[in-house]
Amino acid sequence: MSGEFSRASFWRRFASLIYDALVVISLSMLTAILYFAVIQGLIALDFIAQTDDPAAFIQDSPLLYGIRSALFVGINVFFFAYFWTKSGQTIGMRAWRLKVQTLEGNLISWPQAIVRCVSSLLGLGNLVVLVDLKNKKALQDYVSKTEVIALTKEENKRVYRELD
């Protein structure tokens, strides 16, 4: 564990997750709009059979529904993995002065970020922090060999300035 900063509590993680959920919902809505526009375009170009209700057509087609689901998962994993590997902070984590890092204090790798996303179980992995009071580590921290630390205001500003 990084000796300089303590690990983040459940409630700070939860608050950060709420902030990030708003961003993820927005990204998912944008993804859905763009996907629906592509399907509409394919219908207009006669690549897909004409239908009165394209939304129902997507819902009823296992292939189109699967593609849509994969896009949602992919966009969400990319959002978290990108920010974690670039600065260690998502938008919500920056607001709540949290940072994810390796146990040695470095930025996490893409494979670690992807494992962390999958093992978080849509945020439910954070519930482990409520039981693991000594280590304050979530399920995804254990699986991906990472930790989430609480930063001071000054350190949070320094991390943000390093992005330039």
Protein backbone atom coordinates (compact mmCIF):
# COMPACT_ATOMS: atom_id res chain seq x y z
CA MET A 1 0.00 0.00 0.00
CA SER A 2 1.13 3.52 -0.69
CA GLY A 3 2.19 4.77 2.73
CA GLU A 4 1.54 8.42 1.95
CA PHE A 5 -2.23 8.15 1.39
CA SER A 6 -4.88 6.04 3.07
CA ARG A 7 -7.17 3.73 1.14
CA ALA A 8 -10.58 5.07 0.22
CA SER A 9 -13.65 4.36 2.33
CA PHE A 10 -16.79 2.72 1.00
CA TRP A 11 -18.78 5.96 1.08
CA ARG A 12 -16.26 7.94 -0.97
CA ARG A 13 -16.12 5.11 -3.49
CA PHE A 14 -19.91 5.01 -3.60
CA ALA A 15 -20.21 8.78 -4.13
CA SER A 16 -17.63 8.61 -6.91
CA LEU A 17 -19.53 5.73 -8.50
CA ILE A 18 -22.73 7.82 -8.54
CA TYR A 19 -20.92 10.61 -10.41
CA ASP A 20 -19.43 8.15 -12.88
CA ALA A 21 -22.79 6.43 -13.34
CA LEU A 22 -24.22 9.71 -14.66
CA VAL A 23 -21.43 9.91 -17.24
CA VAL A 24 -21.81 6.23 -18.17
CA ILE A 25 -25.58 6.64 -18.60
CA SER A 26 -24.95 9.60 -20.91
CA LEU A 27 -22.41 7.61 -22.94
CA SER A 28 -24.83 4.68 -23.16
CA MET A 29 -27.61 6.97 -24.39
CA LEU A 30 -25.31 8.44 -27.04
CA THR A 31 -24.25 4.94 -28.07
CA ALA A 32 -27.90 3.87 -28.37
CA ILE A 33 -28.76 6.91 -30.50
CA LEU A 34 -25.81 6.33 -32.84
CA TYR A 35 -26.54 2.60 -33.10
CA PHE A 36 -30.19 3.28 -33.86
CA ALA A 37 -29.15 5.82 -36.54
CA VAL A 38 -26.86 3.24 -38.16
CA ILE A 39 -29.69 0.66 -38.19
CA GLN A 40 -32.05 3.26 -39.68
CA GLY A 41 -29.44 4.01 -42.35
CA LEU A 42 -29.05 0.32 -43.18
CA ILE A 43 -32.83 0.02 -43.51
CA ALA A 44 -32.93 3.09 -45.77
CA LEU A 45 -30.20 1.57 -47.97
CA ASP A 46 -32.10 -1.75 -48.11
CA PHE A 47 -29.28 -3.67 -46.39
CA ILE A 48 -31.83 -4.62 -43.74
CA ALA A 49 -35.46 -5.45 -44.53
CA GLN A 50 -38.00 -2.64 -44.12
CA THR A 51 -39.76 -2.58 -40.78
CA ASP A 52 -42.35 -0.37 -39.16
CA ASP A 53 -40.63 -0.46 -35.78
CA PRO A 54 -36.81 -0.54 -35.96
CA ALA A 55 -36.49 -0.59 -32.15
CA ALA A 56 -38.62 -3.74 -31.92
CA PHE A 57 -36.64 -5.20 -34.84
CA ILE A 58 -33.38 -4.69 -32.91
CA GLN A 59 -34.94 -6.15 -29.77
CA ASP A 60 -36.22 -9.23 -31.63
CA SER A 61 -33.00 -9.90 -33.56
CA PRO A 62 -30.46 -11.84 -31.46
CA LEU A 63 -27.61 -10.55 -33.64
CA LEU A 64 -28.58 -6.86 -33.51
CA TYR A 65 -29.48 -7.08 -29.82
CA GLY A 66 -26.14 -8.77 -29.10
CA ILE A 67 -24.22 -6.11 -31.01
CA ARG A 68 -26.04 -3.37 -29.10
CA SER A 69 -25.29 -5.07 -25.77
CA ALA A 70 -21.63 -5.54 -26.68
CA LEU A 71 -21.39 -1.86 -27.62
CA PHE A 72 -22.80 -0.83 -24.25
CA VAL A 73 -20.38 -3.03 -22.34
CA GLY A 74 -17.45 -2.01 -24.54
CA ILE A 75 -18.10 1.73 -24.19
CA ASN A 76 -18.42 1.45 -20.41
CA VAL A 77 -15.29 -0.66 -19.99
CA PHE A 78 -13.39 1.70 -22.29
CA PHE A 79 -14.52 4.74 -20.26
CA PHE A 80 -13.18 3.37 -16.99
CA ALA A 81 -10.08 1.71 -18.43
CA TYR A 82 -9.05 4.83 -20.35
CA PHE A 83 -9.23 7.13 -17.35
CA TRP A 84 -7.66 4.63 -14.94
CA THR A 85 -4.70 4.02 -17.24
CA LYS A 86 -4.22 7.67 -18.16
CA SER A 87 -4.40 9.34 -14.74
CA GLY A 88 -5.78 6.83 -12.25
CA GLN A 89 -8.95 8.91 -11.93
CA THR A 90 -12.34 8.92 -13.59
CA ILE A 91 -14.43 12.09 -13.52
CA GLY A 92 -16.18 10.97 -10.33
CA MET A 93 -12.92 9.92 -8.72
CA ARG A 94 -11.42 13.33 -9.45
CA ALA A 95 -14.39 15.05 -7.79
CA TRP A 96 -14.04 12.84 -4.69
CA ARG A 97 -10.21 12.94 -4.72
CA LEU A 98 -9.71 9.23 -5.29
CA LYS A 99 -7.10 7.48 -7.40
CA VAL A 100 -6.68 3.86 -8.46
CA GLN A 101 -3.12 2.60 -8.66
CA THR A 102 -1.02 -0.53 -8.47
CA LEU A 103 0.11 -1.67 -5.03
CA GLU A 104 3.48 -0.07 -5.85
CA GLY A 105 1.86 3.31 -6.53
CA ASN A 106 1.98 3.30 -10.36
CA LEU A 107 -0.76 3.74 -12.94
CA ILE A 108 -2.54 0.51 -13.75
CA SER A 109 -2.18 -1.25 -17.10
CA TRP A 110 -4.93 -1.87 -19.66
CA PRO A 111 -5.20 -5.56 -18.74
CA GLN A 112 -5.50 -4.63 -15.05
CA ALA A 113 -8.14 -2.02 -15.89
CA ILE A 114 -10.21 -4.50 -17.88
CA VAL A 115 -9.96 -7.13 -15.13
CA ARG A 116 -10.89 -4.45 -12.61
CA CYS A 117 -13.98 -3.46 -14.61
CA VAL A 118 -15.20 -7.02 -15.02
CA SER A 119 -14.53 -8.00 -11.41
CA SER A 120 -16.27 -4.93 -10.01
CA LEU A 121 -19.60 -6.59 -10.82
CA LEU A 122 -21.20 -3.27 -11.79
CA GLY A 123 -19.96 -1.65 -8.59
CA LEU A 124 -21.15 -4.39 -6.23
CA GLY A 125 -17.55 -5.40 -5.62
CA ASN A 126 -17.24 -2.26 -3.50
CA LEU A 127 -19.43 -3.88 -0.84
CA VAL A 128 -16.40 -5.93 0.19
CA VAL A 129 -14.92 -2.69 1.63
CA LEU A 130 -17.70 -2.73 4.24
CA VAL A 131 -16.47 -6.12 5.48
CA ASP A 132 -12.74 -5.60 4.94
CA LEU A 133 -12.40 -2.67 7.34
CA LYS A 134 -8.70 -3.28 7.97
CA ASN A 135 -7.51 -3.22 4.34
CA LYS A 136 -10.34 -1.16 2.77
CA LYS A 137 -10.06 -3.12 -0.46
CA ALA A 138 -12.90 -4.02 -2.81
CA LEU A 139 -13.28 -7.26 -4.75
CA GLN A 140 -11.87 -5.62 -7.88
CA ASP A 141 -8.84 -4.39 -5.90
CA TYR A 142 -7.98 -7.92 -4.83
CA VAL A 143 -8.57 -9.47 -8.25
CA SER A 144 -6.66 -6.82 -10.22
CA LYS A 145 -3.95 -6.23 -7.58
CA THR A 146 -4.80 -2.53 -7.27
CA GLU A 147 -5.89 -0.11 -4.58
CA VAL A 148 -7.95 3.06 -4.41
CA ILE A 149 -6.43 5.83 -2.33
CA ALA A 150 -7.87 9.07 -0.98
CA LEU A 151 -5.83 12.08 -2.09
CA THR A 152 -5.33 15.45 -0.46
CA LYS A 153 -6.61 18.52 -2.32
CA GLU A 154 -3.05 19.45 -3.28
CA GLU A 155 -2.20 15.98 -4.59
CA ASN A 156 -5.46 15.84 -6.53
CA LYS A 157 -4.58 19.14 -8.22
CA ARG A 158 -1.07 17.87 -8.98
CA VAL A 159 -2.44 14.71 -10.64
CA TYR A 160 -4.81 16.86 -12.71
CA ARG A 161 -2.03 19.26 -13.77
CA GLU A 162 0.15 16.34 -14.93
CA LEU A 163 -2.40 15.55 -17.63
CA ASP A 164 -1.40 18.62 -19.67
